[in-house]
Amino acid sequence: MLLAGALRTLIQRHRTGDSGNRRTLSPRGSLGWSALTATDIGYLIVGVGGPLAHWLGLPPLSVLQHFPVHVLGVVLAVIGILAAFGAQMALGASWRIGVDVSERTALVTSGPFRWVRNPIFTAVLVALFGLALMVPNLVALIGWALALAGIETQVRRIEEPHLHRLHGEPYAHYAAKVGRFLPGLGRLRTDRRAATSKRDRI
């Protein structure tokens, strides 16, 4: 959270004079606010709640309580953290936390965005899963699931409709070719997006 949140915000402010943080624009209790809040709580449960529960004596899940699993967790956590920061940097001036519906940002399709539309979230989920494997108890896994649900809601219900309204056909073409979180998976059908756009206009 310090690297991908605080440091990235400082870099954005230094480069553009703007923090890039738009989360306060979502009204409290709205879908966007709820999705971001659920994601943040999931982060904290994995990173703090899981280890705390372990220290307080909550036993790990026996199927995951093996040294190779813990090593894999360390590897995934490190790769995920570095990949998330790298993907954030690839967004350049278009990097945002949250959505401002009145703001126009460039559609970035280069770098890691050539392979998946949401490489930041993919990397974050990998990092969180790695952290959960390092302390594989029920609390950590619940936190990961909560973060996943928040990210899925933010992407599917908030960000994708916003980007389609903002960029129209270029985004529809891009989303039809590139997967949502994994290469080739979660591509959007152009005919469905066109129909949705037509209904919105009506």
Protein backbone atom coordinates (compact mmCIF):
# COMPACT_ATOMS: atom_id res chain seq x y z
CA MET A 1 0.00 0.00 0.00
CA LEU A 2 2.91 2.36 0.69
CA LEU A 3 4.58 1.65 -2.65
CA ALA A 4 1.55 1.41 -4.92
CA GLY A 5 -0.52 3.99 -3.05
CA ALA A 6 1.49 6.61 -1.19
CA LEU A 7 4.65 6.65 -3.34
CA ARG A 8 2.72 6.54 -6.61
CA THR A 9 0.58 9.44 -5.42
CA LEU A 10 3.67 11.50 -4.60
CA ILE A 11 5.17 10.75 -8.03
CA GLN A 12 1.92 11.74 -9.73
CA ARG A 13 1.74 15.00 -7.81
CA HIS A 14 5.39 15.79 -8.59
CA ARG A 15 4.95 15.10 -12.31
CA THR A 16 1.52 16.60 -12.93
CA GLY A 17 0.68 18.77 -9.91
CA ASP A 18 -2.31 16.48 -9.27
CA SER A 19 -2.44 13.53 -6.87
CA GLY A 20 -4.63 11.45 -9.20
CA ASN A 21 -6.90 10.54 -6.28
CA ARG A 22 -10.58 10.74 -7.28
CA ARG A 23 -12.07 8.40 -4.72
CA THR A 24 -13.58 11.26 -2.70
CA LEU A 25 -15.81 12.09 -5.68
CA SER A 26 -17.85 8.91 -5.11
CA PRO A 27 -20.72 9.70 -2.71
CA ARG A 28 -20.57 7.77 0.55
CA GLY A 29 -22.63 4.61 0.19
CA SER A 30 -22.56 4.64 -3.61
CA LEU A 31 -21.49 1.60 -5.60
CA GLY A 32 -18.10 3.13 -6.42
CA TRP A 33 -17.47 4.07 -2.80
CA SER A 34 -18.55 0.63 -1.60
CA ALA A 35 -16.30 -1.17 -4.11
CA LEU A 36 -13.22 0.86 -3.17
CA THR A 37 -13.97 0.47 0.53
CA ALA A 38 -14.41 -3.29 0.23
CA THR A 39 -11.11 -3.50 -1.65
CA ASP A 40 -9.26 -1.47 0.98
CA ILE A 41 -10.72 -3.54 3.80
CA GLY A 42 -9.69 -6.68 1.94
CA TYR A 43 -6.12 -5.33 1.66
CA LEU A 44 -6.01 -4.68 5.40
CA ILE A 45 -7.50 -8.03 6.34
CA VAL A 46 -4.89 -9.87 4.25
CA GLY A 47 -1.92 -7.72 5.24
CA VAL A 48 -2.78 -7.09 8.90
CA GLY A 49 -5.70 -9.26 9.93
CA GLY A 50 -4.22 -12.54 8.69
CA PRO A 51 -0.87 -12.16 10.46
CA LEU A 52 -2.56 -10.81 13.61
CA ALA A 53 -4.92 -13.78 13.69
CA HIS A 54 -1.92 -16.07 13.29
CA TRP A 55 -0.09 -14.45 16.19
CA LEU A 56 -3.23 -14.76 18.31
CA GLY A 57 -3.30 -18.51 17.70
CA LEU A 58 -5.66 -19.04 14.75
CA PRO A 59 -4.39 -22.22 13.09
CA PRO A 60 -3.56 -22.18 9.38
CA LEU A 61 -5.42 -24.34 6.91
CA SER A 62 -3.61 -27.68 7.02
CA VAL A 63 -3.72 -28.15 3.25
CA LEU A 64 -1.67 -24.96 2.80
CA GLN A 65 0.60 -25.28 5.82
CA HIS A 66 3.72 -26.40 3.95
CA PHE A 67 7.08 -24.70 3.53
CA PRO A 68 6.97 -24.69 -0.32
CA VAL A 69 3.58 -22.94 -0.13
CA HIS A 70 5.05 -20.24 2.11
CA VAL A 71 7.99 -19.77 -0.27
CA LEU A 72 5.58 -19.49 -3.20
CA GLY A 73 3.69 -16.87 -1.20
CA VAL A 74 6.83 -14.77 -0.75
CA VAL A 75 7.64 -15.01 -4.47
CA LEU A 76 4.10 -14.07 -5.54
CA ALA A 77 3.93 -11.19 -3.06
CA VAL A 78 7.21 -9.66 -4.27
CA ILE A 79 6.37 -10.13 -7.96
CA GLY A 80 2.85 -8.78 -7.47
CA ILE A 81 3.97 -5.67 -5.58
CA LEU A 82 6.63 -4.78 -8.14
CA ALA A 83 4.34 -5.55 -11.07
CA ALA A 84 1.55 -3.40 -9.62
CA PHE A 85 3.89 -0.45 -9.22
CA GLY A 86 5.28 -0.95 -12.72
CA ALA A 87 1.79 -1.08 -14.23
CA GLN A 88 0.84 2.08 -12.35
CA MET A 89 3.86 3.86 -13.77
CA ALA A 90 2.92 2.68 -17.26
CA LEU A 91 -0.34 4.64 -16.98
CA GLY A 92 1.62 7.88 -16.72
CA ALA A 93 -0.56 10.97 -16.36
CA SER A 94 -3.71 8.86 -16.81
CA TRP A 95 -3.22 7.08 -13.47
CA ARG A 96 -6.18 7.54 -11.13
CA ILE A 97 -7.64 6.16 -7.93
CA GLY A 98 -11.38 6.20 -8.48
CA VAL A 99 -13.31 7.78 -11.33
CA ASP A 100 -14.20 11.37 -12.20
CA VAL A 101 -16.98 11.14 -14.80
CA SER A 102 -16.32 14.71 -15.96
CA GLU A 103 -12.63 14.12 -16.61
CA ARG A 104 -11.06 12.94 -19.86
CA THR A 105 -7.87 10.88 -19.68
CA ALA A 106 -5.95 9.13 -22.44
CA LEU A 107 -6.72 5.48 -23.20
CA VAL A 108 -3.51 3.57 -22.44
CA THR A 109 -3.09 0.33 -24.41
CA SER A 110 0.70 -0.01 -24.39
CA GLY A 111 3.12 -1.74 -22.01
CA PRO A 112 1.37 -4.30 -19.77
CA PHE A 113 -1.97 -2.98 -21.02
CA ARG A 114 -1.30 -4.77 -24.30
CA TRP A 115 -1.94 -8.10 -22.58
CA VAL A 116 -4.61 -7.29 -19.98
CA ARG A 117 -6.86 -4.29 -19.50
CA ASN A 118 -6.33 -4.13 -15.73
CA PRO A 119 -2.73 -5.21 -15.02
CA ILE A 120 -2.60 -3.16 -11.82
CA PHE A 121 -5.49 -5.06 -10.27
CA THR A 122 -4.14 -8.37 -11.57
CA ALA A 123 -0.80 -7.69 -9.92
CA VAL A 124 -2.45 -6.54 -6.68
CA LEU A 125 -4.49 -9.74 -6.49
CA VAL A 126 -1.34 -11.79 -7.09
CA ALA A 127 0.46 -9.90 -4.32
CA LEU A 128 -2.44 -10.34 -1.90
CA PHE A 129 -2.70 -14.03 -2.70
CA GLY A 130 1.02 -14.36 -2.02
CA LEU A 131 0.61 -12.62 1.33
CA ALA A 132 -2.29 -14.94 2.17
CA LEU A 133 -0.16 -18.00 1.36
CA MET A 134 2.53 -16.73 3.71
CA VAL A 135 -0.01 -16.86 6.57
CA PRO A 136 -2.63 -19.24 5.13
CA ASN A 137 -5.46 -18.93 7.63
CA LEU A 138 -9.15 -18.35 7.06
CA VAL A 139 -8.94 -14.63 7.88
CA ALA A 140 -6.33 -13.96 5.17
CA LEU A 141 -8.27 -15.92 2.56
CA ILE A 142 -11.51 -14.10 3.42
CA GLY A 143 -9.64 -10.81 3.01
CA TRP A 144 -8.41 -11.89 -0.43
CA ALA A 145 -11.95 -12.85 -1.47
CA LEU A 146 -13.28 -9.49 -0.26
CA ALA A 147 -10.60 -7.62 -2.21
CA LEU A 148 -11.43 -9.67 -5.29
CA ALA A 149 -15.14 -8.85 -4.97
CA GLY A 150 -14.39 -5.14 -4.55
CA ILE A 151 -12.04 -5.08 -7.54
CA GLU A 152 -14.49 -7.00 -9.74
CA THR A 153 -17.27 -4.56 -8.84
CA GLN A 154 -15.08 -1.50 -9.41
CA VAL A 155 -13.88 -2.72 -12.79
CA ARG A 156 -17.11 -4.20 -14.19
CA ARG A 157 -19.66 -1.70 -12.85
CA ILE A 158 -17.69 1.54 -12.60
CA GLU A 159 -14.52 1.69 -14.69
CA GLU A 160 -15.51 -0.25 -17.81
CA PRO A 161 -18.78 1.67 -18.37
CA HIS A 162 -16.90 4.94 -17.73
CA LEU A 163 -14.15 4.11 -20.23
CA HIS A 164 -16.70 3.04 -22.82
CA ARG A 165 -18.63 6.29 -22.45
CA LEU A 166 -15.38 8.26 -22.56
CA HIS A 167 -13.61 6.58 -25.47
CA GLY A 168 -16.44 4.88 -27.36
CA GLU A 169 -15.40 2.67 -30.27
CA PRO A 170 -11.63 2.70 -29.56
CA TYR A 171 -12.25 1.28 -26.09
CA ALA A 172 -14.82 -1.23 -27.39
CA HIS A 173 -12.29 -2.45 -29.98
CA TYR A 174 -9.55 -2.66 -27.35
CA ALA A 175 -11.77 -4.47 -24.84
CA ALA A 176 -12.82 -6.97 -27.51
CA LYS A 177 -9.19 -7.95 -28.11
CA VAL A 178 -7.64 -7.79 -24.63
CA GLY A 179 -8.69 -9.76 -21.53
CA ARG A 180 -9.93 -8.12 -18.34
CA PHE A 181 -7.50 -9.57 -15.78
CA LEU A 182 -5.84 -12.42 -17.68
CA PRO A 183 -4.78 -12.58 -21.34
CA GLY A 184 -7.69 -13.62 -23.53
CA LEU A 185 -10.21 -13.94 -20.68
CA GLY A 186 -12.97 -11.43 -20.02
CA ARG A 187 -12.94 -9.81 -23.44
CA LEU A 188 -16.04 -7.73 -24.17
CA ARG A 189 -18.16 -8.47 -27.21
CA THR A 190 -18.38 -5.43 -29.46
CA ASP A 191 -21.99 -6.14 -30.43
CA ARG A 192 -23.02 -6.23 -26.77
CA ARG A 193 -21.18 -2.97 -26.02
CA ALA A 194 -22.75 -1.34 -29.07
CA ALA A 195 -26.20 -2.45 -27.96
CA THR A 196 -25.58 -1.13 -24.46
CA SER A 197 -24.37 2.21 -25.85
CA LYS A 198 -27.46 2.43 -28.06
CA ARG A 199 -29.77 1.77 -25.11
CA ASP A 200 -27.96 4.46 -23.10
CA ARG A 201 -28.51 6.99 -25.88
CA ILE A 202 -32.19 6.08 -26.09
